Amino acid sequence: MDILNFFLLLIIVYLIHSSYVKFRSIHPNQLSGPIPIPFLGNLHQLGKLPHRTFMSLQKIYGPIFRLYFGDTYTVVVCSLDIAKEIYIDKFDNFSDRSATTTFELHSSNFSGISSGNGEYWKKNKIVVSKALRRINLNELGVYNFLELQVNQLLNIINKDYKNKKQFPIRTFTQKYSISTMFKYVFSEELNLDDNEMSNINNIAKPIDKIFKELGTGKLGDYINLFKPFFYYYSKYTDKHFYNVKEQVKKRYHEHLSNFNSKKHRDLIDYLIEEFGSDEKKIDIVIQIIFDVLLAGIETTALAIELATMILVNNPEVQEKVYDELRSVVGPNRNRVYLTDKSKTLYTNAMIKENFRTHPSGPFGIPRVAKENCYVGDSYFVPKGAQIIVNFFSLSYNEDIYKNCEQYDPNRFLNSTAHISNEEYYTFGLGPRACLGLHLAIDEYYLFITNLILNYKISSVDGNKINYDENYGLTLKPTEFNLVLEPRN
């Protein structure tokens, strides 16, 4: 009974303290926001699609507002100017990731590159940037492999998916994306026609689970009373991260055993050269590789899948893309190459509009304020606040894009073929922007252009494909199949 009374008293004290913290005034210029409740804060108001909830709250509270995720003071930013201020102008104060339990466990205590914090991130960014500058993707054979992948894909379609047989687009975008990353990171060449794909399944399935876990808020991440219990529960029950790390570690040690400094095979070789073989640094290198895989597989595969859905739902755009591609490659060539990219202006505009209207991820990874500061028009952000930028709302902001609800590639026709972080916000802004942007875009371009050049794509029932957003770290549609009709 004494134990029961103790826990009851603990809960009462916690609720009193939690209520006091949430309702007190912290600054004359504090942010406004919806009224929180003890324990949950505003978590109960987020709904199934928080990015859309934030857009609704923006209309009430303005471009920057306050929420409580449990006990965590959270600042939601829906303004491009303020986002740039946070990510670029005041980067030093907002450089670290939010220290939730889930993220801590999936980042080896914040020691990677996209997941790193503090000195870990600074040192890793210098080393990884140096390695990436030295990497020649052509010398590693990555681009030749990409073209081989495209040829394999088209051969598989021609052999197995003609005559209106349903084509499982998600299966092949994942295979394509993972195979590319395996070549880049491990110098392993996987065959898209391999039905077993055991190497892929050992990494792809856990990564898919990890994306869902990182994107879904958990009470144990945000409610102080639960944090100690949640940490140990997650540490000993969540095996997805461990399984991927073991696969990476196995390949890392194989590379160490036959490393040749005069002949680099892949990213791991470059990292070995930069970090050395110090046992104390192995976990950091493993985490960096994990971060690269996590960032490079899921988002690219999903972006390509979304592109096919968009083109099915906008057949007039699909035909304009086909007409342009055919005019560029001529009547006798049935392959598009990266050297054609500068000539495919409408196709490039279509890709940018796809990224705008259907971003793979609505928020990116939350940051944290290291010190009290002001942003925007003297908005006060307290030390320790979690920062979430709603990239989704930036894509649907009338001040940035006129007629933003309308899908219109023409809005990007006057821009260059190069896709920058300024034009696609969900690749990030500032020093922590995506390091693999250009490879991801090239993967995307080759897959989509060669598919459209050779096949007219449509839905299984001839109707538009319904975009049911399934919220996580990315926004996945409900899985769908395609019908592919040969153009020649």
Protein backbone atom coordinates (compact mmCIF):
# COMPACT_ATOMS: atom_id res chain seq x y z
CA MET A 1 0.00 0.00 0.00
CA ASP A 2 2.90 2.32 0.78
CA ILE A 3 4.28 1.75 -2.72
CA LEU A 4 0.88 2.48 -4.24
CA ASN A 5 0.60 5.70 -2.23
CA PHE A 6 4.11 6.68 -3.27
CA PHE A 7 3.31 6.30 -6.98
CA LEU A 8 0.00 8.10 -6.54
CA LEU A 9 1.79 11.00 -4.83
CA LEU A 10 4.42 10.99 -7.58
CA ILE A 11 1.74 11.29 -10.27
CA ILE A 12 -0.04 14.11 -8.41
CA VAL A 13 3.21 16.06 -7.97
CA TYR A 14 4.06 15.47 -11.62
CA LEU A 15 0.66 16.71 -12.81
CA ILE A 16 0.90 19.85 -10.65
CA HIS A 17 4.39 20.61 -11.92
CA SER A 18 3.46 19.81 -15.53
CA SER A 19 0.45 22.13 -15.35
CA TYR A 20 2.50 24.94 -13.82
CA VAL A 21 5.20 24.69 -16.51
CA LYS A 22 2.68 24.70 -19.34
CA PHE A 23 0.57 27.62 -18.13
CA ARG A 24 3.20 29.97 -16.74
CA SER A 25 4.34 33.01 -18.68
CA ILE A 26 7.95 32.61 -19.81
CA HIS A 27 8.52 35.91 -21.65
CA PRO A 28 6.65 39.06 -22.76
CA ASN A 29 7.25 38.03 -26.40
CA GLN A 30 6.40 34.38 -25.90
CA LEU A 31 4.71 32.53 -28.75
CA SER A 32 0.99 31.93 -28.78
CA GLY A 33 -0.61 28.56 -29.36
CA PRO A 34 -3.55 26.32 -28.45
CA ILE A 35 -4.23 25.65 -24.78
CA PRO A 36 -2.32 22.55 -23.58
CA ILE A 37 -3.58 20.06 -21.05
CA PRO A 38 -1.60 18.41 -18.23
CA PHE A 39 0.25 15.29 -19.22
CA LEU A 40 -0.37 15.32 -23.01
CA GLY A 41 0.15 19.00 -23.72
CA ASN A 42 -1.19 19.38 -27.28
CA LEU A 43 -0.42 15.87 -28.51
CA HIS A 44 -4.10 14.98 -28.54
CA GLN A 45 -4.73 17.77 -31.07
CA LEU A 46 -2.24 16.67 -33.73
CA GLY A 47 -4.50 14.16 -35.45
CA LYS A 48 -3.38 11.56 -37.98
CA LEU A 49 -1.78 14.14 -40.29
CA PRO A 50 0.11 16.66 -38.11
CA HIS A 51 1.46 18.62 -41.10
CA ARG A 52 -2.10 19.48 -42.12
CA THR A 53 -3.07 20.23 -38.53
CA PHE A 54 -0.16 22.68 -38.38
CA MET A 55 -1.41 24.40 -41.55
CA SER A 56 -4.78 24.91 -39.86
CA LEU A 57 -3.14 26.23 -36.68
CA GLN A 58 -1.02 28.59 -38.78
CA LYS A 59 -4.19 30.37 -39.88
CA ILE A 60 -5.03 31.03 -36.22
CA TYR A 61 -1.65 31.69 -34.60
CA GLY A 62 0.50 32.94 -37.47
CA PRO A 63 3.68 31.69 -39.18
CA ILE A 64 5.33 30.57 -35.93
CA PHE A 65 3.52 29.18 -32.89
CA ARG A 66 3.93 27.13 -29.74
CA LEU A 67 2.77 23.61 -28.93
CA TYR A 68 3.55 21.25 -26.09
CA PHE A 69 4.47 17.72 -27.13
CA GLY A 70 3.80 16.23 -23.72
CA ASP A 71 6.27 18.19 -21.57
CA THR A 72 8.38 19.36 -24.50
CA TYR A 73 8.00 23.00 -25.52
CA THR A 74 7.77 22.86 -29.31
CA VAL A 75 8.06 25.68 -31.83
CA VAL A 76 6.37 25.09 -35.20
CA VAL A 77 7.67 27.21 -38.09
CA CYS A 78 5.55 27.77 -41.21
CA SER A 79 7.53 30.66 -42.70
CA LEU A 80 10.34 30.36 -45.25
CA ASP A 81 12.09 33.48 -43.94
CA ILE A 82 12.07 32.21 -40.36
CA ALA A 83 13.12 28.72 -41.51
CA LYS A 84 16.14 30.24 -43.28
CA GLU A 85 16.93 32.31 -40.20
CA ILE A 86 16.93 29.17 -38.04
CA TYR A 87 18.72 26.84 -40.45
CA ILE A 88 21.22 29.34 -41.89
CA ASP A 89 21.57 32.72 -40.13
CA LYS A 90 21.35 31.35 -36.58
CA PHE A 91 22.57 27.86 -37.35
CA ASP A 92 24.96 27.70 -34.39
CA ASN A 93 22.05 27.98 -31.97
CA PHE A 94 19.88 25.48 -33.84
CA SER A 95 22.42 22.98 -35.18
CA ASP A 96 21.56 20.07 -32.86
CA ARG A 97 18.82 17.50 -33.28
CA SER A 98 16.05 17.18 -30.71
CA ALA A 99 17.19 14.68 -28.07
CA THR A 100 14.24 12.29 -27.93
CA THR A 101 14.78 8.77 -26.62
CA THR A 102 13.83 7.20 -29.95
CA PHE A 103 16.30 9.36 -31.86
CA GLU A 104 19.03 8.82 -29.28
CA LEU A 105 18.76 5.05 -29.62
CA HIS A 106 18.72 5.17 -33.42
CA SER A 107 21.75 7.45 -33.62
CA SER A 108 24.22 5.74 -31.27
CA ASN A 109 23.89 8.66 -28.88
CA PHE A 110 23.90 11.31 -31.66
CA SER A 111 27.23 10.23 -33.15
CA GLY A 112 26.51 10.06 -36.90
CA ILE A 113 26.31 12.65 -39.66
CA SER A 114 22.60 13.35 -40.22
CA SER A 115 21.92 12.17 -36.65
CA GLY A 116 24.97 13.70 -34.96
CA ASN A 117 24.98 16.50 -32.39
CA GLY A 118 27.58 18.87 -30.99
CA GLU A 119 31.24 18.05 -31.54
CA TYR A 120 30.35 14.67 -33.04
CA TRP A 121 28.51 16.36 -35.87
CA LYS A 122 31.13 19.07 -36.44
CA LYS A 123 33.99 16.57 -36.68
CA ASN A 124 32.00 14.09 -38.75
CA LYS A 125 30.79 16.79 -41.15
CA ILE A 126 34.39 17.84 -41.86
CA VAL A 127 35.56 14.27 -42.43
CA VAL A 128 32.54 13.14 -44.46
CA SER A 129 32.52 16.30 -46.58
CA LYS A 130 36.20 15.73 -47.35
CA ALA A 131 35.48 12.13 -48.33
CA LEU A 132 32.51 13.10 -50.50
CA ARG A 133 34.53 15.77 -52.30
CA ARG A 134 37.07 13.12 -53.25
CA ILE A 135 34.51 10.57 -54.40
CA ASN A 136 34.14 10.34 -58.17
CA LEU A 137 30.87 8.53 -58.80
CA ASN A 138 31.92 7.75 -62.35
CA GLU A 139 35.16 6.14 -61.17
CA LEU A 140 33.21 4.07 -58.65
CA GLY A 141 30.95 2.96 -61.48
CA VAL A 142 27.80 4.27 -59.81
CA TYR A 143 26.44 6.02 -62.90
CA ASN A 144 27.22 3.11 -65.19
CA PHE A 145 25.43 0.92 -62.68
CA LEU A 146 22.42 3.28 -62.68
CA GLU A 147 22.12 2.92 -66.45
CA LEU A 148 22.45 -0.85 -66.09
CA GLN A 149 19.66 -0.77 -63.50
CA VAL A 150 17.40 1.15 -65.88
CA ASN A 151 18.07 -1.37 -68.65
CA GLN A 152 17.28 -4.22 -66.26
CA LEU A 153 14.07 -2.51 -65.19
CA LEU A 154 12.84 -2.03 -68.76
CA ASN A 155 13.74 -5.61 -69.67
CA ILE A 156 11.84 -6.93 -66.66
CA ILE A 157 8.79 -4.86 -67.57
CA ASN A 158 8.93 -6.00 -71.19
CA LYS A 159 9.27 -9.64 -70.13
CA ASP A 160 6.88 -9.86 -67.19
CA TYR A 161 4.52 -6.86 -67.07
CA LYS A 162 3.20 -6.20 -70.56
CA ASN A 163 -0.33 -7.06 -71.72
CA LYS A 164 -1.78 -4.98 -68.88
CA LYS A 165 -0.35 -7.14 -66.11
CA GLN A 166 -0.23 -5.13 -62.88
CA PHE A 167 3.18 -3.63 -62.14
CA PRO A 168 4.08 -3.35 -58.40
CA ILE A 169 5.77 0.05 -58.53
CA ARG A 170 6.79 0.18 -54.86
CA THR A 171 8.64 -3.13 -55.09
CA PHE A 172 10.77 -1.89 -57.96
CA THR A 173 11.42 1.64 -56.72
CA GLN A 174 12.70 0.13 -53.47
CA LYS A 175 14.86 -2.41 -55.29
CA TYR A 176 16.23 0.31 -57.57
CA SER A 177 17.01 2.72 -54.74
CA ILE A 178 18.53 0.10 -52.46
CA SER A 179 20.61 -1.40 -55.26
CA THR A 180 22.02 2.05 -56.06
CA MET A 181 22.95 2.67 -52.42
CA PHE A 182 24.53 -0.78 -52.11
CA LYS A 183 26.73 0.03 -55.10
CA TYR A 184 27.64 3.46 -53.72
CA VAL A 185 28.25 2.39 -50.11
CA PHE A 186 29.33 -1.28 -50.34
CA SER A 187 30.33 -1.71 -54.04
CA GLU A 188 27.79 -4.55 -54.19
CA GLU A 189 25.84 -4.97 -57.41
CA LEU A 190 22.37 -6.38 -56.86
CA ASN A 191 20.18 -7.68 -59.63
CA LEU A 192 16.68 -6.19 -59.90
CA ASP A 193 15.49 -9.51 -61.34
CA ASP A 194 16.59 -11.43 -58.25
CA ASN A 195 13.36 -12.48 -56.56
CA GLU A 196 15.06 -13.42 -53.31
CA MET A 197 16.98 -10.17 -52.77
CA SER A 198 18.01 -11.40 -49.31
CA ASN A 199 20.62 -8.64 -49.01
CA ILE A 200 17.93 -6.07 -49.63
CA ASN A 201 15.40 -7.58 -47.25
CA ASN A 202 17.92 -7.69 -44.41
CA ILE A 203 18.29 -3.91 -44.60
CA ALA A 204 15.19 -2.59 -46.40
CA LYS A 205 12.57 -4.00 -44.06
CA PRO A 206 14.22 -2.78 -40.84
CA ILE A 207 14.82 0.65 -42.40
CA ASP A 208 11.14 0.89 -43.31
CA LYS A 209 10.27 0.11 -39.67
CA ILE A 210 12.81 2.66 -38.41
CA PHE A 211 11.31 5.39 -40.61
CA LYS A 212 7.91 4.71 -39.11
CA GLU A 213 9.30 4.78 -35.57
CA LEU A 214 11.23 8.02 -36.08
CA GLY A 215 8.25 9.77 -37.63
CA THR A 216 5.64 8.74 -35.08
CA GLY A 217 5.64 10.61 -31.78
CA LYS A 218 5.70 8.38 -28.73
CA LEU A 219 4.56 9.35 -25.25
CA GLY A 220 7.84 8.07 -23.82
CA ASP A 221 9.75 10.60 -25.92
CA TYR A 222 7.87 13.60 -24.59
CA ILE A 223 6.41 12.87 -21.16
CA ASN A 224 9.09 13.19 -18.48
CA LEU A 225 7.45 10.68 -16.15
CA PHE A 226 7.72 7.95 -18.80
CA LYS A 227 11.17 8.70 -20.23
CA PRO A 228 13.32 6.43 -17.99
CA PHE A 229 11.00 3.45 -18.47
CA PHE A 230 10.63 4.08 -22.20
CA TYR A 231 14.39 4.28 -22.70
CA TYR A 232 15.11 0.84 -21.28
CA TYR A 233 12.02 -0.72 -22.84
CA SER A 234 13.02 0.53 -26.30
CA LYS A 235 16.67 -0.33 -25.85
CA TYR A 236 15.96 -3.98 -25.18
CA THR A 237 12.93 -4.57 -27.43
CA ASP A 238 13.62 -2.58 -30.60
CA LYS A 239 15.83 -4.78 -32.77
CA HIS A 240 15.43 -3.03 -36.15
CA PHE A 241 18.31 -0.62 -35.62
CA TYR A 242 20.51 -3.38 -34.22
CA ASN A 243 19.79 -5.63 -37.23
CA VAL A 244 20.77 -2.95 -39.76
CA LYS A 245 23.90 -2.04 -37.80
CA GLU A 246 25.00 -5.67 -37.74
CA GLN A 247 24.64 -5.88 -41.53
CA VAL A 248 26.67 -2.68 -41.92
CA LYS A 249 29.30 -3.77 -39.38
CA LYS A 250 29.80 -7.08 -41.19
CA ARG A 251 30.52 -5.28 -44.47
CA TYR A 252 32.72 -2.71 -42.77
CA HIS A 253 35.02 -5.38 -41.31
CA GLU A 254 35.16 -7.14 -44.69
CA HIS A 255 36.36 -3.87 -46.21
CA LEU A 256 38.95 -3.38 -43.47
CA SER A 257 40.43 -6.81 -44.13
CA ASN A 258 41.21 -6.06 -47.79
CA PHE A 259 41.45 -2.26 -47.85
CA ASN A 260 43.71 -0.79 -50.54
CA SER A 261 44.42 2.93 -50.20
CA LYS A 262 45.35 3.15 -53.88
CA LYS A 263 42.07 1.73 -55.15
CA HIS A 264 38.84 2.95 -53.55
CA ARG A 265 35.80 0.83 -54.24
CA ASP A 266 33.05 2.75 -52.48
CA LEU A 267 32.08 5.12 -49.68
CA ILE A 268 33.29 2.74 -46.96
CA ASP A 269 36.81 2.76 -48.38
CA TYR A 270 36.88 6.55 -48.32
CA LEU A 271 35.62 6.58 -44.72
CA ILE A 272 38.24 4.01 -43.69
CA GLU A 273 40.93 6.23 -45.17
CA GLU A 274 39.59 9.31 -43.34
CA PHE A 275 38.84 7.69 -39.96
CA GLY A 276 41.45 4.94 -39.96
CA SER A 277 40.91 1.56 -38.29
CA ASP A 278 40.75 2.83 -34.71
CA GLU A 279 38.39 0.52 -32.80
CA LYS A 280 37.09 3.52 -30.84
CA LYS A 281 35.83 5.13 -34.06
CA ILE A 282 34.19 2.08 -35.60
CA ASP A 283 30.80 2.78 -34.03
CA ILE A 284 30.91 6.34 -35.39
CA VAL A 285 31.72 5.10 -38.91
CA ILE A 286 28.97 2.47 -38.69
CA GLN A 287 26.50 5.17 -37.63
CA ILE A 288 27.54 7.44 -40.52
CA ILE A 289 26.99 4.59 -42.99
CA PHE A 290 23.64 3.85 -41.37
CA ASP A 291 22.64 7.52 -41.72
CA VAL A 292 23.60 7.52 -45.41
CA LEU A 293 21.55 4.39 -46.05
CA LEU A 294 18.57 5.68 -44.09
CA ALA A 295 18.55 9.00 -45.95
CA GLY A 296 19.34 7.57 -49.38
CA ILE A 297 16.99 4.62 -49.66
CA GLU A 298 13.52 5.43 -48.39
CA THR A 299 13.09 9.03 -49.56
CA THR A 300 14.33 8.44 -53.11
CA ALA A 301 12.22 5.31 -53.61
CA LEU A 302 9.15 7.09 -52.27
CA ALA A 303 9.73 10.19 -54.42
CA ILE A 304 9.84 8.04 -57.58
CA GLU A 305 6.70 6.16 -56.53
CA LEU A 306 4.89 9.46 -55.94
CA ALA A 307 6.03 10.72 -59.35
CA THR A 308 4.33 7.82 -61.11
CA MET A 309 1.12 8.50 -59.19
CA ILE A 310 1.25 12.19 -60.14
CA LEU A 311 1.78 11.40 -63.83
CA VAL A 312 -1.09 8.91 -63.84
CA ASN A 313 -3.35 11.56 -62.29
CA ASN A 314 -2.15 14.22 -64.75
CA PRO A 315 -2.07 12.42 -68.13
CA GLU A 316 -1.67 15.65 -70.10
CA VAL A 317 1.58 16.34 -68.22
CA GLN A 318 2.70 12.76 -68.82
CA GLU A 319 2.20 13.20 -72.57
CA LYS A 320 4.02 16.54 -72.63
CA VAL A 321 6.95 14.92 -70.88
CA TYR A 322 6.92 12.05 -73.38
CA ASP A 323 6.77 14.43 -76.36
CA GLU A 324 9.73 16.41 -75.02
CA LEU A 325 11.79 13.30 -74.31
CA ARG A 326 11.09 11.89 -77.75
CA SER A 327 12.06 15.16 -79.41
CA VAL A 328 15.34 15.23 -77.46
CA VAL A 329 16.44 11.61 -77.95
CA GLY A 330 15.13 11.30 -81.50
CA PRO A 331 13.03 8.56 -83.14
CA ASN A 332 15.60 5.77 -82.93
CA ARG A 333 16.81 5.97 -79.32
CA ASN A 334 14.78 4.45 -76.48
CA ARG A 335 17.00 5.47 -73.59
CA VAL A 336 17.39 8.78 -71.77
CA TYR A 337 20.80 9.64 -70.33
CA LEU A 338 21.91 12.25 -67.82
CA THR A 339 23.59 14.12 -70.67
CA ASP A 340 20.07 14.83 -72.00
CA LYS A 341 19.03 16.59 -68.80
CA SER A 342 19.96 20.13 -69.82
CA LYS A 343 17.68 19.82 -72.88
CA THR A 344 14.59 18.44 -71.11
CA LEU A 345 13.32 21.72 -69.70
CA TYR A 346 9.68 20.73 -69.20
CA THR A 347 10.67 17.40 -67.64
CA ASN A 348 12.95 19.21 -65.18
CA ALA A 349 10.10 21.58 -64.33
CA MET A 350 7.77 18.61 -63.82
CA ILE A 351 10.23 17.04 -61.36
CA LYS A 352 10.45 20.25 -59.34
CA GLU A 353 6.67 20.58 -59.26
CA ASN A 354 6.41 16.96 -58.10
CA PHE A 355 8.74 17.73 -55.21
CA ARG A 356 6.73 20.82 -54.32
CA THR A 357 3.26 19.28 -54.35
CA HIS A 358 4.19 15.88 -52.91
CA PRO A 359 7.18 16.21 -50.58
CA SER A 360 8.43 12.85 -49.31
CA GLY A 361 8.79 14.17 -45.77
CA PRO A 362 6.73 16.97 -44.19
CA PHE A 363 9.14 18.09 -41.45
CA GLY A 364 12.65 16.73 -41.67
CA ILE A 365 14.29 15.96 -38.33
CA PRO A 366 13.46 18.34 -35.44
CA ARG A 367 16.14 20.65 -34.05
CA VAL A 368 16.60 22.10 -30.56
CA ALA A 369 17.46 25.62 -29.35
CA LYS A 370 20.74 25.67 -27.42
CA GLU A 371 20.08 29.11 -25.88
CA ASN A 372 17.26 31.64 -25.53
CA CYS A 373 16.96 33.72 -28.70
CA TYR A 374 14.65 35.76 -30.92
CA VAL A 375 13.59 34.92 -34.47
CA GLY A 376 11.40 36.67 -37.02
CA ASP A 377 9.62 39.73 -35.65
CA SER A 378 11.06 39.37 -32.14
CA TYR A 379 9.46 35.98 -31.45
CA PHE A 380 11.02 34.51 -28.31
CA VAL A 381 12.32 30.93 -28.49
CA PRO A 382 13.42 29.50 -25.12
CA LYS A 383 16.46 27.34 -24.53
CA GLY A 384 15.63 23.65 -24.98
CA ALA A 385 12.67 24.25 -27.29
CA GLN A 386 12.12 21.63 -29.97
CA ILE A 387 11.99 23.22 -33.45
CA ILE A 388 9.82 21.78 -36.22
CA VAL A 389 9.74 23.40 -39.66
CA ASN A 390 6.61 22.47 -41.59
CA PHE A 391 8.11 22.15 -45.07
CA PHE A 392 4.74 20.96 -46.32
CA SER A 393 3.17 24.33 -45.54
CA LEU A 394 5.99 26.12 -47.39
CA SER A 395 5.09 24.18 -50.53
CA TYR A 396 1.49 25.37 -50.25
CA ASN A 397 2.15 29.00 -49.40
CA GLU A 398 0.51 31.51 -51.77
CA ASP A 399 3.20 34.07 -50.99
CA ILE A 400 5.81 31.70 -52.43
CA TYR A 401 3.79 29.88 -55.11
CA LYS A 402 0.80 31.50 -56.80
CA ASN A 403 -2.15 29.13 -57.25
CA CYS A 404 -0.31 26.75 -54.95
CA GLU A 405 -3.12 24.17 -54.88
CA GLN A 406 -2.82 23.72 -58.64
CA TYR A 407 -0.36 21.22 -60.10
CA ASP A 408 1.49 23.20 -62.76
CA PRO A 409 5.05 22.35 -63.92
CA ASN A 410 5.08 25.57 -65.97
CA ARG A 411 5.80 27.55 -62.80
CA PHE A 412 9.35 26.15 -62.89
CA LEU A 413 10.02 26.51 -66.61
CA ASN A 414 12.17 29.60 -66.14
CA SER A 415 14.41 27.94 -63.55
CA THR A 416 17.53 25.92 -64.30
CA ALA A 417 17.85 22.15 -64.71
CA HIS A 418 19.76 22.12 -61.42
CA ILE A 419 17.56 21.43 -58.40
CA SER A 420 18.76 23.36 -55.38
CA ASN A 421 17.82 23.21 -51.71
CA GLU A 422 16.14 26.59 -52.20
CA GLU A 423 13.65 24.99 -54.59
CA TYR A 424 13.06 21.78 -52.70
CA TYR A 425 12.93 22.56 -49.01
CA THR A 426 12.58 19.01 -47.75
CA PHE A 427 16.18 18.29 -48.75
CA GLY A 428 16.91 20.75 -45.95
CA LEU A 429 18.47 24.18 -45.71
CA GLY A 430 21.85 25.36 -44.50
CA PRO A 431 24.88 23.35 -43.32
CA ARG A 432 22.78 20.29 -42.40
CA ALA A 433 21.08 20.03 -45.80
CA CYS A 434 21.11 16.66 -47.57
CA LEU A 435 24.62 15.70 -48.71
CA GLY A 436 23.33 13.24 -51.32
CA LEU A 437 20.98 15.58 -53.16
CA HIS A 438 22.55 15.29 -56.61
CA LEU A 439 22.79 11.49 -56.66
CA ALA A 440 19.17 11.22 -55.50
CA ILE A 441 17.98 13.56 -58.26
CA ASP A 442 19.94 11.66 -60.91
CA GLU A 443 18.43 8.35 -59.74
CA TYR A 444 14.99 9.90 -59.92
CA TYR A 445 15.53 11.45 -63.36
CA LEU A 446 16.78 8.26 -65.01
CA PHE A 447 13.98 6.09 -63.62
CA ILE A 448 11.10 8.41 -64.48
CA THR A 449 12.28 9.58 -67.90
CA ASN A 450 13.07 6.10 -69.19
CA LEU A 451 9.80 4.71 -67.89
CA ILE A 452 7.76 7.46 -69.58
CA LEU A 453 9.77 7.31 -72.82
CA ASN A 454 8.97 3.61 -73.20
CA TYR A 455 5.59 3.18 -71.51
CA LYS A 456 2.34 4.99 -71.03
CA ILE A 457 1.46 4.52 -67.37
CA SER A 458 -2.06 4.36 -65.97
CA SER A 459 -3.94 3.07 -62.95
CA VAL A 460 -5.35 -0.43 -62.72
CA ASP A 461 -8.98 0.72 -62.98
CA GLY A 462 -8.43 3.68 -65.30
CA ASN A 463 -9.30 6.21 -62.59
CA LYS A 464 -7.08 8.60 -60.67
CA ILE A 465 -5.01 7.06 -57.90
CA ASN A 466 -6.19 8.23 -54.50
CA TYR A 467 -3.42 9.82 -52.44
CA ASP A 468 -4.01 8.63 -48.88
CA GLU A 469 -1.19 10.15 -46.86
CA ASN A 470 0.21 7.65 -44.38
CA TYR A 471 2.10 9.79 -41.90
CA GLY A 472 5.59 8.98 -40.64
CA LEU A 473 9.03 10.46 -41.21
CA THR A 474 7.85 10.26 -44.84
CA LEU A 475 4.37 10.56 -46.37
CA LYS A 476 3.64 7.24 -48.06
CA PRO A 477 0.54 6.69 -50.18
CA THR A 478 -1.42 3.48 -49.83
CA GLU A 479 0.40 0.95 -52.01
CA PHE A 480 -0.84 0.82 -55.61
CA ASN A 481 -0.01 -0.98 -58.86
CA LEU A 482 0.31 0.41 -62.38
CA VAL A 483 -0.60 -0.71 -65.87
CA LEU A 484 2.17 -0.12 -68.43
CA GLU A 485 1.37 0.17 -72.12
CA PRO A 486 4.34 0.05 -74.54
CA ARG A 487 4.61 3.24 -76.59
CA ASN A 488 6.22 1.56 -79.61
